[in-house]
Amino acid sequence: MAESRGMPFGQALLERAFSPDTAATHYTERVVKRPLTIRATSPTPSARAIRRRALSERKEKTRKRSKQKPHPLSAAQKRKLCLNEIPKAQQKYAIYEPLHHLWLGYMREVLGISDAERAVYLTPASSGQLLASADMHGALLSVVRSRCVSRVGLEGIVVRDTRFTFEIITKTNAVKAIPKEHTVFRFEITPPAKEGDARQKPLVFEIFGEQFQTRAPDRANKKFRMHYQPDL
């Protein structure tokens, strides 16, 4: 209606609050002649600034990605959640007997005695390094010497090989943690029988627990020397 009378719509709205002369003045000074501030053109960024901005964007993306990525649990969190504990229902000797039979076959291959027709002469110098680098999970160990007399005679299958202990399960379905330090362990490996032989004599090995106080891959790179243990 205002445009039909030749009056702008904005001025017609102002006339509802002000007199016609005041509305015309406000519309002319504050709307028509209102200054429009124009931002000055930014200078062209240098190549160094462009590289710095790109680096900052990559760092920000990496930081966001690392925050979304799940982090592995710490040792304290694993202990709190009991992830390394064997459930009570699985603490049975019969469950781990097949693991021991698999370990015997694995050790025969490690020592090179899996072939019954091929004669192999084993010595501490030749087999010691192989035994030190072998995985002991599934081995049937027995304690033959120890500073703690009550540990002598303990026997069981290794269910967990930590840095300082062997955790074994005994025939009475009890899990025991035996320190490796100041302890000598014994295990036997029976070679495969030859044709005509009813049974082969088992090979008996004794190992010092101190030499197994590292992970198996780390033990493979270590050199062990034979020496007398005066504290056992």
Protein backbone atom coordinates (compact mmCIF):
# COMPACT_ATOMS: atom_id res chain seq x y z
CA MET A 1 0.00 0.00 0.00
CA ALA A 2 2.89 2.29 0.82
CA GLU A 3 4.66 1.45 -2.43
CA SER A 4 1.48 2.28 -4.37
CA ARG A 5 1.60 5.83 -2.93
CA GLY A 6 5.27 6.17 -3.90
CA MET A 7 6.57 5.64 -0.32
CA PRO A 8 9.18 2.94 0.44
CA PHE A 9 8.06 0.12 2.68
CA GLY A 10 10.67 0.89 5.30
CA GLN A 11 9.55 4.50 5.63
CA ALA A 12 5.92 3.36 5.92
CA LEU A 13 6.91 1.15 8.87
CA LEU A 14 8.71 4.07 10.55
CA GLU A 15 5.59 6.24 10.22
CA ARG A 16 3.78 3.82 12.55
CA ALA A 17 6.10 4.91 15.38
CA PHE A 18 7.05 8.43 14.39
CA SER A 19 5.52 11.41 12.67
CA PRO A 20 5.78 11.57 8.86
CA ASP A 21 8.62 14.16 8.95
CA THR A 22 10.59 12.29 11.62
CA ALA A 23 10.06 8.98 9.81
CA ALA A 24 11.31 10.52 6.54
CA THR A 25 14.40 11.91 8.32
CA HIS A 26 15.22 8.58 10.00
CA TYR A 27 14.76 6.65 6.75
CA THR A 28 16.99 9.03 4.78
CA GLU A 29 19.81 9.32 7.35
CA ARG A 30 19.83 5.85 8.89
CA VAL A 31 18.75 3.64 6.00
CA VAL A 32 19.41 5.27 2.65
CA LYS A 33 22.58 7.17 3.58
CA ARG A 34 23.89 4.64 6.11
CA PRO A 35 27.62 4.08 5.53
CA LEU A 36 28.63 0.55 4.52
CA THR A 37 31.96 -0.46 6.03
CA ILE A 38 34.03 -2.61 3.66
CA ARG A 39 36.80 -4.77 5.10
CA ALA A 40 40.17 -4.18 3.56
CA THR A 41 41.47 -6.93 1.32
CA SER A 42 43.81 -9.31 3.22
CA PRO A 43 47.35 -9.52 1.92
CA THR A 44 48.40 -12.65 0.09
CA PRO A 45 49.87 -15.09 2.68
CA SER A 46 53.48 -16.08 2.25
CA ALA A 47 54.58 -19.60 1.38
CA ARG A 48 55.88 -20.07 4.93
CA ALA A 49 52.50 -19.11 6.41
CA ILE A 50 50.74 -21.53 4.05
CA ARG A 51 53.04 -24.39 5.09
CA ARG A 52 52.57 -23.55 8.77
CA ARG A 53 48.80 -23.54 8.41
CA ALA A 54 48.84 -26.88 6.57
CA LEU A 55 51.08 -28.37 9.28
CA SER A 56 48.76 -27.10 12.02
CA GLU A 57 45.74 -28.62 10.25
CA ARG A 58 47.50 -31.99 9.93
CA LYS A 59 48.46 -31.93 13.62
CA GLU A 60 44.90 -31.12 14.59
CA LYS A 61 43.55 -33.98 12.47
CA THR A 62 46.11 -36.37 13.98
CA ARG A 63 45.21 -35.25 17.51
CA LYS A 64 41.50 -35.79 16.90
CA ARG A 65 42.17 -39.19 15.34
CA SER A 66 44.37 -40.27 18.27
CA LYS A 67 41.69 -39.20 20.76
CA GLN A 68 39.11 -41.34 18.97
CA LYS A 69 41.48 -44.33 18.71
CA PRO A 70 41.17 -46.73 21.67
CA HIS A 71 44.36 -46.99 23.72
CA PRO A 72 45.65 -50.35 25.01
CA LEU A 73 45.05 -51.18 28.64
CA SER A 74 47.84 -50.62 31.11
CA ALA A 75 49.19 -53.37 33.34
CA ALA A 76 47.32 -51.94 36.35
CA GLN A 77 44.05 -51.91 34.41
CA LYS A 78 44.60 -55.52 33.30
CA ARG A 79 45.17 -56.57 36.90
CA LYS A 80 42.07 -54.68 38.01
CA LEU A 81 39.94 -56.39 35.34
CA CYS A 82 41.56 -59.79 36.13
CA LEU A 83 42.32 -60.37 32.44
CA ASN A 84 45.42 -62.45 33.24
CA GLU A 85 43.71 -64.56 35.87
CA ILE A 86 42.60 -68.10 35.02
CA PRO A 87 38.91 -68.59 35.90
CA LYS A 88 38.22 -71.06 38.67
CA ALA A 89 36.23 -73.30 36.30
CA GLN A 90 39.30 -73.65 34.01
CA GLN A 91 41.82 -74.49 36.72
CA LYS A 92 41.83 -78.18 35.88
CA TYR A 93 44.90 -80.24 35.04
CA ALA A 94 43.04 -82.31 32.43
CA ILE A 95 42.35 -79.22 30.32
CA TYR A 96 46.08 -78.53 29.82
CA GLU A 97 47.27 -82.07 29.16
CA PRO A 98 46.67 -81.72 25.36
CA LEU A 99 48.72 -78.51 25.49
CA HIS A 100 51.59 -80.46 27.04
CA HIS A 101 51.46 -83.07 24.23
CA LEU A 102 51.58 -80.27 21.65
CA TRP A 103 54.55 -78.74 23.47
CA LEU A 104 56.43 -82.06 23.37
CA GLY A 105 56.06 -82.18 19.58
CA TYR A 106 57.15 -78.55 19.36
CA MET A 107 60.28 -79.21 21.43
CA ARG A 108 61.19 -82.28 19.36
CA GLU A 109 61.20 -80.05 16.29
CA VAL A 110 63.21 -77.36 18.07
CA LEU A 111 65.88 -79.85 19.17
CA GLY A 112 65.85 -81.65 15.82
CA ILE A 113 64.84 -85.07 17.19
CA SER A 114 61.44 -85.33 15.50
CA ASP A 115 62.88 -87.75 12.93
CA ALA A 116 63.34 -91.14 14.59
CA GLU A 117 65.71 -92.41 11.88
CA ARG A 118 68.16 -89.51 12.15
CA ALA A 119 70.59 -89.66 15.08
CA VAL A 120 71.20 -86.37 16.87
CA TYR A 121 73.81 -85.88 19.59
CA LEU A 122 72.68 -83.25 22.07
CA THR A 123 75.10 -81.32 24.27
CA PRO A 124 74.59 -78.34 26.60
CA ALA A 125 76.46 -76.13 24.13
CA SER A 126 74.31 -77.18 21.17
CA SER A 127 70.91 -77.44 22.83
CA GLY A 128 71.22 -74.82 25.57
CA GLN A 129 70.61 -71.85 23.30
CA LEU A 130 67.66 -73.63 21.68
CA LEU A 131 66.07 -74.35 25.05
CA ALA A 132 66.60 -70.78 26.24
CA SER A 133 64.76 -69.32 23.23
CA ALA A 134 61.90 -71.86 23.31
CA ASP A 135 58.36 -71.11 24.46
CA MET A 136 57.70 -72.82 27.79
CA HIS A 137 53.88 -72.68 27.78
CA GLY A 138 52.78 -76.30 28.08
CA ALA A 139 56.00 -77.65 29.60
CA LEU A 140 55.70 -80.13 32.46
CA LEU A 141 58.20 -78.65 34.94
CA SER A 142 59.26 -79.94 38.32
CA VAL A 143 61.35 -78.06 40.88
CA VAL A 144 64.50 -80.00 41.77
CA ARG A 145 66.48 -77.30 43.62
CA SER A 146 65.48 -74.06 45.28
CA ARG A 147 66.43 -71.79 48.14
CA CYS A 148 62.90 -72.29 49.42
CA VAL A 149 62.79 -75.93 50.46
CA SER A 150 58.99 -76.07 50.39
CA ARG A 151 59.02 -75.54 46.60
CA VAL A 152 61.18 -78.60 45.89
CA GLY A 153 59.04 -81.35 44.41
CA LEU A 154 56.35 -79.11 42.93
CA GLU A 155 55.36 -80.30 39.47
CA GLY A 156 52.86 -79.02 36.93
CA ILE A 157 52.18 -77.74 33.44
CA VAL A 158 53.20 -74.16 32.67
CA VAL A 159 50.08 -72.10 31.95
CA ARG A 160 51.75 -68.69 32.09
CA ASP A 161 55.36 -67.62 31.60
CA THR A 162 55.94 -64.16 33.11
CA ARG A 163 59.22 -62.32 33.46
CA PHE A 164 60.02 -63.52 36.98
CA THR A 165 57.72 -66.50 37.54
CA PHE A 166 56.42 -69.73 36.02
CA GLU A 167 52.73 -70.26 36.78
CA ILE A 168 51.97 -73.98 36.76
CA ILE A 169 48.86 -76.04 37.36
CA THR A 170 49.42 -79.16 39.43
CA LYS A 171 47.65 -82.50 39.27
CA THR A 172 45.58 -81.41 42.26
CA ASN A 173 44.07 -78.59 40.10
CA ALA A 174 45.95 -75.85 41.96
CA VAL A 175 47.69 -72.93 40.27
CA LYS A 176 51.12 -72.15 41.74
CA ALA A 177 53.41 -69.21 40.92
CA ILE A 178 57.05 -70.29 41.24
CA PRO A 179 59.78 -67.61 41.13
CA LYS A 180 62.49 -68.26 38.58
CA GLU A 181 65.25 -66.79 40.71
CA HIS A 182 67.33 -69.28 42.71
CA THR A 183 65.35 -72.21 41.28
CA VAL A 184 66.32 -75.15 39.05
CA PHE A 185 63.61 -76.80 36.96
CA ARG A 186 63.57 -80.19 35.29
CA PHE A 187 61.55 -81.52 32.36
CA GLU A 188 61.68 -84.60 30.16
CA ILE A 189 61.25 -85.08 26.41
CA THR A 190 60.76 -88.55 24.97
CA PRO A 191 62.19 -88.96 21.43
CA PRO A 192 60.04 -90.77 18.85
CA ALA A 193 60.47 -94.56 18.96
CA LYS A 194 62.46 -96.30 16.22
CA GLU A 195 61.29 -99.38 14.41
CA GLY A 196 61.75 -102.40 16.66
CA ASP A 197 62.19 -100.34 19.83
CA ALA A 198 59.32 -100.52 22.26
CA ARG A 199 60.17 -97.23 23.95
CA GLN A 200 62.92 -94.65 23.93
CA LYS A 201 64.52 -93.38 27.11
CA PRO A 202 63.42 -89.81 27.87
CA LEU A 203 65.87 -86.92 27.61
CA VAL A 204 66.12 -85.11 30.94
CA PHE A 205 66.92 -81.39 30.97
CA GLU A 206 67.60 -79.10 33.90
CA ILE A 207 67.38 -75.34 33.45
CA PHE A 208 68.27 -72.43 35.71
CA GLY A 209 65.37 -70.08 36.25
CA GLU A 210 67.64 -66.98 36.25
CA GLN A 211 68.36 -67.55 32.56
CA PHE A 212 64.63 -67.42 31.77
CA GLN A 213 63.90 -64.05 33.37
CA THR A 214 63.23 -62.43 30.00
CA ARG A 215 60.84 -62.96 27.12
CA ALA A 216 61.58 -65.83 24.73
CA PRO A 217 62.53 -63.53 21.78
CA ASP A 218 64.96 -61.65 24.04
CA ARG A 219 66.46 -64.88 25.36
CA ALA A 220 67.25 -65.96 21.80
CA ASN A 221 69.75 -63.12 21.44
CA LYS A 222 71.52 -63.69 24.75
CA LYS A 223 74.65 -65.76 25.25
CA PHE A 224 74.71 -67.98 28.33
CA ARG A 225 77.81 -69.31 30.01
CA MET A 226 78.02 -72.44 32.06
CA HIS A 227 79.04 -71.67 35.63
CA TYR A 228 78.56 -73.04 39.11
CA GLN A 229 75.67 -71.74 41.21
CA PRO A 230 77.02 -71.45 44.76
CA ASP A 231 73.68 -70.33 46.21
CA LEU A 232 71.79 -73.52 45.32
